[in-house]
Amino acid sequence: MESASKRKAANASAAETDNRAPKRQKVPGDTTAGAETFETTKTMGLRFLDSVRAAKDKNGRPIATHFLTLPDKNVIPEYYDVIKLPISIETIEVCSILPTSCSSHSSLGI
């Protein structure tokens, strides 16, 4: 036997769903004008990297300074002992702009 409160809750949830629009379903063969391509992804990625490079803290100091380039192995060898797959913003840009300069995604640590 259901209690009165359970019946009321069940009826209330049914009433709430009646006013909602149905979920959109992907129609086979439906091509959208904003389809994602390699070029659009690359453009958005480079725009994101530019925003990271331009980001500043509340005092106006750049945030990403230490991540723009990799440190020299001869100057800071400990860095490469701790960081197994080092990457910099410059490395990401070079591999996205000139994919032939990077042998594969493994050079990016992906």
C-alpha atoms as a PDB file:
ATOM      1  CA  MET A   1       0.000   0.000   0.000  1.00  0.00           C
ATOM      2  CA  GLU A   2       1.278   3.403  -0.918  1.00  0.00           C
ATOM      3  CA  SER A   3       1.077   6.247   1.479  1.00  0.00           C
ATOM      4  CA  ALA A   4      -0.678   9.453   0.499  1.00  0.00           C
ATOM      5  CA  SER A   5       2.619  11.393   0.410  1.00  0.00           C
ATOM      6  CA  LYS A   6       4.129   8.931  -2.079  1.00  0.00           C
ATOM      7  CA  ARG A   7       1.114   9.225  -4.369  1.00  0.00           C
ATOM      8  CA  LYS A   8       1.277  13.025  -4.229  1.00  0.00           C
ATOM      9  CA  ALA A   9       5.020  12.996  -5.020  1.00  0.00           C
ATOM     10  CA  ALA A  10       4.473  10.668  -7.993  1.00  0.00           C
ATOM     11  CA  ASN A  11       1.714  12.869  -9.381  1.00  0.00           C
ATOM     12  CA  ALA A  12       3.774  16.031  -8.897  1.00  0.00           C
ATOM     13  CA  SER A  13       6.767  14.680 -10.825  1.00  0.00           C
ATOM     14  CA  ALA A  14       4.525  13.620 -13.703  1.00  0.00           C
ATOM     15  CA  ALA A  15       3.050  17.122 -13.879  1.00  0.00           C
ATOM     16  CA  GLU A  16       6.530  18.698 -13.968  1.00  0.00           C
ATOM     17  CA  THR A  17       7.660  16.601 -16.919  1.00  0.00           C
ATOM     18  CA  ASP A  18       4.578  17.480 -18.969  1.00  0.00           C
ATOM     19  CA  ASN A  19       5.728  21.107 -19.386  1.00  0.00           C
ATOM     20  CA  ARG A  20       9.277  20.287 -20.515  1.00  0.00           C
ATOM     21  CA  ALA A  21      10.242  20.205 -24.150  1.00  0.00           C
ATOM     22  CA  PRO A  22      11.249  16.820 -25.512  1.00  0.00           C
ATOM     23  CA  LYS A  23      14.960  16.052 -25.726  1.00  0.00           C
ATOM     24  CA  ARG A  24      16.610  16.771 -29.043  1.00  0.00           C
ATOM     25  CA  GLN A  25      17.663  13.697 -30.914  1.00  0.00           C
ATOM     26  CA  LYS A  26      20.375  13.501 -33.528  1.00  0.00           C
ATOM     27  CA  VAL A  27      18.854  12.828 -36.917  1.00  0.00           C
ATOM     28  CA  PRO A  28      20.907  10.591 -39.222  1.00  0.00           C
ATOM     29  CA  GLY A  29      22.313  12.560 -42.134  1.00  0.00           C
ATOM     30  CA  ASP A  30      21.781  15.855 -40.324  1.00  0.00           C
ATOM     31  CA  THR A  31      24.745  18.080 -41.121  1.00  0.00           C
ATOM     32  CA  THR A  32      25.168  21.225 -39.123  1.00  0.00           C
ATOM     33  CA  ALA A  33      26.905  24.318 -40.417  1.00  0.00           C
ATOM     34  CA  GLY A  34      29.149  24.437 -37.334  1.00  0.00           C
ATOM     35  CA  ALA A  35      30.609  20.960 -37.748  1.00  0.00           C
ATOM     36  CA  GLU A  36      33.936  20.450 -36.033  1.00  0.00           C
ATOM     37  CA  THR A  37      36.946  20.042 -38.294  1.00  0.00           C
ATOM     38  CA  PHE A  38      40.686  19.851 -37.738  1.00  0.00           C
ATOM     39  CA  GLU A  39      41.032  23.514 -38.694  1.00  0.00           C
ATOM     40  CA  THR A  40      38.293  24.753 -36.356  1.00  0.00           C
ATOM     41  CA  THR A  41      39.713  22.715 -33.487  1.00  0.00           C
ATOM     42  CA  LYS A  42      43.211  24.024 -34.212  1.00  0.00           C
ATOM     43  CA  THR A  43      41.949  27.610 -34.362  1.00  0.00           C
ATOM     44  CA  MET A  44      40.104  27.285 -31.055  1.00  0.00           C
ATOM     45  CA  GLY A  45      43.120  25.606 -29.433  1.00  0.00           C
ATOM     46  CA  LEU A  46      45.476  28.354 -30.553  1.00  0.00           C
ATOM     47  CA  ARG A  47      43.012  30.996 -29.361  1.00  0.00           C
ATOM     48  CA  PHE A  48      42.920  29.236 -25.978  1.00  0.00           C
ATOM     49  CA  LEU A  49      46.735  29.203 -25.797  1.00  0.00           C
ATOM     50  CA  ASP A  50      46.787  32.933 -26.599  1.00  0.00           C
ATOM     51  CA  SER A  51      44.364  33.573 -23.741  1.00  0.00           C
ATOM     52  CA  VAL A  52      46.524  31.482 -21.380  1.00  0.00           C
ATOM     53  CA  ARG A  53      49.590  33.435 -22.450  1.00  0.00           C
ATOM     54  CA  ALA A  54      47.802  36.763 -21.943  1.00  0.00           C
ATOM     55  CA  ALA A  55      46.269  35.838 -18.551  1.00  0.00           C
ATOM     56  CA  LYS A  56      47.355  37.984 -15.627  1.00  0.00           C
ATOM     57  CA  ASP A  57      46.846  37.732 -11.884  1.00  0.00           C
ATOM     58  CA  LYS A  58      45.096  40.404  -9.810  1.00  0.00           C
ATOM     59  CA  ASN A  59      48.333  42.421  -9.628  1.00  0.00           C
ATOM     60  CA  GLY A  60      48.754  42.441 -13.415  1.00  0.00           C
ATOM     61  CA  ARG A  61      51.606  39.921 -13.540  1.00  0.00           C
ATOM     62  CA  PRO A  62      51.541  37.287 -16.297  1.00  0.00           C
ATOM     63  CA  ILE A  63      50.551  33.847 -15.006  1.00  0.00           C
ATOM     64  CA  ALA A  64      51.984  31.514 -17.667  1.00  0.00           C
ATOM     65  CA  THR A  65      55.550  32.849 -17.828  1.00  0.00           C
ATOM     66  CA  HIS A  66      57.166  29.665 -16.536  1.00  0.00           C
ATOM     67  CA  PHE A  67      55.184  27.462 -18.912  1.00  0.00           C
ATOM     68  CA  LEU A  68      55.970  29.235 -22.189  1.00  0.00           C
ATOM     69  CA  THR A  69      59.204  27.319 -22.823  1.00  0.00           C
ATOM     70  CA  LEU A  70      60.894  24.300 -21.297  1.00  0.00           C
ATOM     71  CA  PRO A  71      63.835  24.924 -18.981  1.00  0.00           C
ATOM     72  CA  ASP A  72      67.331  24.065 -20.208  1.00  0.00           C
ATOM     73  CA  LYS A  73      68.342  20.491 -19.318  1.00  0.00           C
ATOM     74  CA  ASN A  74      71.861  21.654 -18.496  1.00  0.00           C
ATOM     75  CA  VAL A  75      70.670  24.350 -16.090  1.00  0.00           C
ATOM     76  CA  ILE A  76      67.902  22.454 -14.276  1.00  0.00           C
ATOM     77  CA  PRO A  77      68.412  18.688 -14.754  1.00  0.00           C
ATOM     78  CA  GLU A  78      66.245  17.934 -11.692  1.00  0.00           C
ATOM     79  CA  TYR A  79      63.202  19.250 -13.541  1.00  0.00           C
ATOM     80  CA  TYR A  80      63.461  16.413 -16.043  1.00  0.00           C
ATOM     81  CA  ASP A  81      63.917  13.874 -13.251  1.00  0.00           C
ATOM     82  CA  VAL A  82      60.654  14.945 -11.633  1.00  0.00           C
ATOM     83  CA  ILE A  83      58.643  15.777 -14.771  1.00  0.00           C
ATOM     84  CA  LYS A  84      58.621  12.658 -16.950  1.00  0.00           C
ATOM     85  CA  LEU A  85      56.751  14.185 -19.918  1.00  0.00           C
ATOM     86  CA  PRO A  86      57.697  17.873 -19.964  1.00  0.00           C
ATOM     87  CA  ILE A  87      55.697  20.117 -22.263  1.00  0.00           C
ATOM     88  CA  SER A  88      55.459  23.835 -22.830  1.00  0.00           C
ATOM     89  CA  ILE A  89      52.994  26.130 -24.534  1.00  0.00           C
ATOM     90  CA  GLU A  90      55.569  26.626 -27.280  1.00  0.00           C
ATOM     91  CA  THR A  91      55.773  22.852 -27.871  1.00  0.00           C
ATOM     92  CA  ILE A  92      51.993  22.593 -28.149  1.00  0.00           C
ATOM     93  CA  GLU A  93      51.891  25.463 -30.648  1.00  0.00           C
ATOM     94  CA  VAL A  94      54.688  24.077 -32.805  1.00  0.00           C
ATOM     95  CA  CYS A  95      53.071  20.637 -32.936  1.00  0.00           C
ATOM     96  CA  SER A  96      49.659  22.071 -33.802  1.00  0.00           C
ATOM     97  CA  ILE A  97      50.885  24.532 -36.439  1.00  0.00           C
ATOM     98  CA  LEU A  98      53.515  22.256 -37.979  1.00  0.00           C
ATOM     99  CA  PRO A  99      52.295  18.708 -37.275  1.00  0.00           C
ATOM    100  CA  THR A 100      55.121  17.274 -39.388  1.00  0.00           C
ATOM    101  CA  SER A 101      57.664  18.605 -36.870  1.00  0.00           C
ATOM    102  CA  CYS A 102      56.194  16.300 -34.203  1.00  0.00           C
ATOM    103  CA  SER A 103      56.437  12.605 -34.956  1.00  0.00           C
ATOM    104  CA  SER A 104      53.149  11.819 -33.214  1.00  0.00           C
ATOM    105  CA  HIS A 105      50.956  12.744 -30.296  1.00  0.00           C
ATOM    106  CA  SER A 106      53.401  10.891 -28.078  1.00  0.00           C
ATOM    107  CA  SER A 107      55.734  13.860 -28.353  1.00  0.00           C
ATOM    108  CA  LEU A 108      52.977  15.880 -26.701  1.00  0.00           C
ATOM    109  CA  GLY A 109      52.506  13.271 -24.015  1.00  0.00           C
ATOM    110  CA  ILE A 110      48.999  12.438 -25.186  1.00  0.00           C
END
